[in-house]
């Protein structure tokens, strides 16, 4: 049986949507929120860290269920989940889900069979310091979701990182992506 999820009402399409789907570790969740806050320190005073959804009705929600609920917001291109992997990993990588992946459901097989047979990836892990970069680039359509997936694949842990944060972090790998 599928859960009835609450509607997500965002005030600003330029603020990333982060949904907490795991409630096993409150301290780890606070670390995620703090990392999101650090990512926008020194930015415009009015800029919000993220639209955080912390509602136990989302506990245990799968990526597919979150996508089904989030696509109701037509201006949203990506949603980020703070799931069990996020809270257990020291890097705290959020699960980014591409909401535009279903745009190809109505493709004519005569012309687009290759695309239909090999769908683009619809999820990738994103470090909290890269959430705003990923969200902003997808909202502006500067970068396609598969480009972030490709960028993550260049890292041993498969996580997208922010260019500036990666170059400033000791021991971080060079970043070749956006």
Protein backbone atom coordinates (compact mmCIF):
# COMPACT_ATOMS: atom_id res chain seq x y z
CA UNK A 1 0.00 0.00 0.00
CA UNK A 2 1.35 3.39 -1.00
CA UNK A 3 1.55 6.18 1.58
CA UNK A 4 -0.47 9.34 1.10
CA UNK A 5 2.25 11.97 1.17
CA UNK A 6 1.64 15.59 2.10
CA UNK A 7 1.76 18.19 -0.63
CA UNK A 8 5.02 20.11 -0.84
CA UNK A 9 4.46 23.85 -1.02
CA UNK A 10 7.62 25.78 -1.83
CA UNK A 11 7.84 29.55 -1.79
CA UNK A 12 10.83 29.84 -4.10
CA UNK A 13 11.70 27.68 -7.11
CA UNK A 14 15.37 28.70 -6.76
CA UNK A 15 15.72 27.06 -3.37
CA UNK A 16 16.58 23.34 -3.44
CA UNK A 17 14.05 20.92 -1.99
CA UNK A 18 15.52 18.50 0.58
CA UNK A 19 13.26 15.82 2.02
CA UNK A 20 14.28 13.81 5.07
CA UNK A 21 13.23 10.18 4.56
CA UNK A 22 15.25 8.60 7.38
CA UNK A 23 14.71 9.41 11.06
CA UNK A 24 17.27 7.08 12.65
CA UNK A 25 19.96 9.68 13.41
CA UNK A 26 19.03 13.23 14.42
CA UNK A 27 22.68 14.26 14.90
CA UNK A 28 23.54 13.22 11.33
CA UNK A 29 20.52 15.15 10.02
CA UNK A 30 21.72 18.27 11.86
CA UNK A 31 25.12 17.79 10.17
CA UNK A 32 23.41 17.72 6.75
CA UNK A 33 21.51 20.92 7.54
CA UNK A 34 24.69 22.59 8.84
CA UNK A 35 26.56 21.61 5.66
CA UNK A 36 23.76 23.09 3.53
CA UNK A 37 24.00 26.29 5.61
CA UNK A 38 27.79 26.49 5.18
CA UNK A 39 27.35 26.13 1.41
CA UNK A 40 25.52 29.48 1.25
CA UNK A 41 27.43 31.40 3.95
CA UNK A 42 28.41 34.82 2.66
CA UNK A 43 25.81 34.65 -0.12
CA UNK A 44 22.92 37.07 -0.37
CA UNK A 45 21.32 37.74 3.00
CA UNK A 46 17.88 36.74 1.77
CA UNK A 47 18.96 33.39 0.36
CA UNK A 48 17.48 30.39 2.09
CA UNK A 49 19.59 27.33 2.81
CA UNK A 50 17.04 24.94 1.31
CA UNK A 51 13.39 24.08 1.57
CA UNK A 52 13.67 21.36 4.21
CA UNK A 53 10.85 18.85 4.57
CA UNK A 54 11.11 17.21 7.96
CA UNK A 55 7.83 15.38 8.41
CA UNK A 56 7.69 11.80 9.67
CA UNK A 57 5.07 10.98 7.05
CA UNK A 58 8.06 10.88 4.64
CA UNK A 59 9.90 8.31 6.77
CA UNK A 60 10.93 5.35 4.62
CA UNK A 61 9.69 6.87 1.38
CA UNK A 62 11.45 5.44 -1.68
CA UNK A 63 12.94 7.48 -4.50
CA UNK A 64 10.05 6.54 -6.80
CA UNK A 65 7.47 7.62 -4.22
CA UNK A 66 9.30 10.92 -3.66
CA UNK A 67 9.46 11.56 -7.40
CA UNK A 68 5.74 10.82 -7.78
CA UNK A 69 4.95 13.35 -5.02
CA UNK A 70 7.43 16.00 -6.18
CA UNK A 71 6.44 16.05 -9.85
CA UNK A 72 3.25 17.83 -8.85
CA UNK A 73 5.47 20.94 -8.66
CA UNK A 74 5.96 21.69 -12.36
CA UNK A 75 8.77 24.17 -11.68
CA UNK A 76 10.89 21.62 -9.84
CA UNK A 77 13.59 19.79 -11.81
CA UNK A 78 15.32 17.86 -9.01
CA UNK A 79 14.57 16.74 -5.47
CA UNK A 80 17.17 15.77 -2.86
CA UNK A 81 16.55 13.02 -0.29
CA UNK A 82 18.30 12.66 3.05
CA UNK A 83 17.95 8.90 3.26
CA UNK A 84 19.68 6.15 5.22
CA UNK A 85 22.80 6.31 3.03
CA UNK A 86 22.99 10.06 3.65
CA UNK A 87 22.84 9.66 7.40
CA UNK A 88 25.27 6.71 7.57
CA UNK A 89 27.98 8.08 5.28
CA UNK A 90 30.54 10.52 6.72
CA UNK A 91 30.26 12.60 3.50
CA UNK A 92 26.46 12.88 4.01
CA UNK A 93 25.66 12.63 0.26
CA UNK A 94 22.04 13.38 -0.56
CA UNK A 95 20.22 11.38 -3.21
CA UNK A 96 19.37 13.69 -6.13
CA UNK A 97 16.42 12.51 -8.20
CA UNK A 98 15.81 13.85 -11.70
CA UNK A 99 12.18 14.90 -12.07
CA UNK A 100 12.55 15.46 -15.81
CA UNK A 101 13.36 11.80 -16.50
CA UNK A 102 9.71 11.01 -17.23
CA UNK A 103 9.60 13.60 -20.02
CA UNK A 104 10.53 10.90 -22.50
CA UNK A 105 7.60 8.58 -21.66
CA UNK A 106 5.60 9.79 -24.66
CA UNK A 107 8.41 9.48 -27.20
CA UNK A 108 7.55 7.94 -30.54
CA UNK A 109 9.39 4.59 -30.74
CA UNK A 110 9.85 5.02 -34.47
CA UNK A 111 12.25 7.91 -33.88
CA UNK A 112 13.47 7.44 -30.33
CA UNK A 113 13.82 3.67 -29.79
CA UNK A 114 17.45 3.96 -28.68
CA UNK A 115 16.50 6.48 -26.00
CA UNK A 116 13.56 4.33 -24.90
CA UNK A 117 15.72 1.19 -24.69
CA UNK A 118 18.52 2.96 -22.77
CA UNK A 119 16.92 5.50 -20.45
CA UNK A 120 19.11 8.15 -18.87
CA UNK A 121 20.07 7.70 -15.20
CA UNK A 122 17.65 9.43 -12.87
CA UNK A 123 19.59 9.52 -9.62
CA UNK A 124 23.01 10.50 -8.31
CA UNK A 125 24.57 11.20 -4.92
CA UNK A 126 25.43 14.85 -4.21
CA UNK A 127 27.55 16.25 -1.37
CA UNK A 128 25.64 18.88 0.63
CA UNK A 129 28.07 21.60 -0.51
CA UNK A 130 27.11 20.87 -4.16
CA UNK A 131 23.32 20.81 -3.74
CA UNK A 132 22.88 24.48 -4.68
CA UNK A 133 25.18 24.14 -7.70
CA UNK A 134 23.33 21.06 -8.99
CA UNK A 135 19.89 22.52 -8.33
CA UNK A 136 20.70 25.90 -9.89
CA UNK A 137 22.25 24.43 -13.02
CA UNK A 138 19.31 22.09 -13.55
CA UNK A 139 16.77 24.87 -12.95
CA UNK A 140 18.55 27.06 -15.52
CA UNK A 141 19.05 24.09 -17.86
CA UNK A 142 22.77 24.90 -18.01
CA UNK A 143 23.63 21.25 -17.39
CA UNK A 144 21.64 18.07 -17.99
CA UNK A 145 21.21 15.53 -15.22
CA UNK A 146 23.29 12.86 -17.02
CA UNK A 147 26.25 15.26 -16.97
CA UNK A 148 26.17 15.26 -13.16
CA UNK A 149 25.95 11.45 -13.20
CA UNK A 150 29.01 11.37 -15.46
CA UNK A 151 30.83 13.80 -13.17
CA UNK A 152 30.06 11.64 -10.12
CA UNK A 153 31.35 8.56 -11.93
CA UNK A 154 34.75 10.25 -12.16
CA UNK A 155 35.04 10.05 -8.35
CA UNK A 156 35.72 6.74 -6.60
CA UNK A 157 32.74 7.22 -4.29
CA UNK A 158 30.39 8.33 -7.08
CA UNK A 159 29.43 11.63 -5.43
CA UNK A 160 29.04 15.03 -7.13
CA UNK A 161 31.01 17.75 -5.37
CA UNK A 162 31.11 21.51 -5.74
CA UNK A 163 34.04 22.76 -7.82
CA UNK A 164 35.14 25.41 -5.32
CA UNK A 165 34.62 23.23 -2.25
CA UNK A 166 36.47 20.28 -3.81
CA UNK A 167 39.49 22.38 -4.70
CA UNK A 168 39.63 23.84 -1.19
CA UNK A 169 39.27 20.54 0.65
CA UNK A 170 42.43 18.67 1.61
CA UNK A 171 42.66 15.27 -0.02
CA UNK A 172 39.86 15.92 -2.47
CA UNK A 173 40.06 14.74 -6.03
CA UNK A 174 40.29 17.19 -8.92
CA UNK A 175 36.89 18.06 -10.32
CA UNK A 176 36.37 17.90 -14.06
CA UNK A 177 32.65 18.66 -14.24
CA UNK A 178 30.49 21.75 -14.16
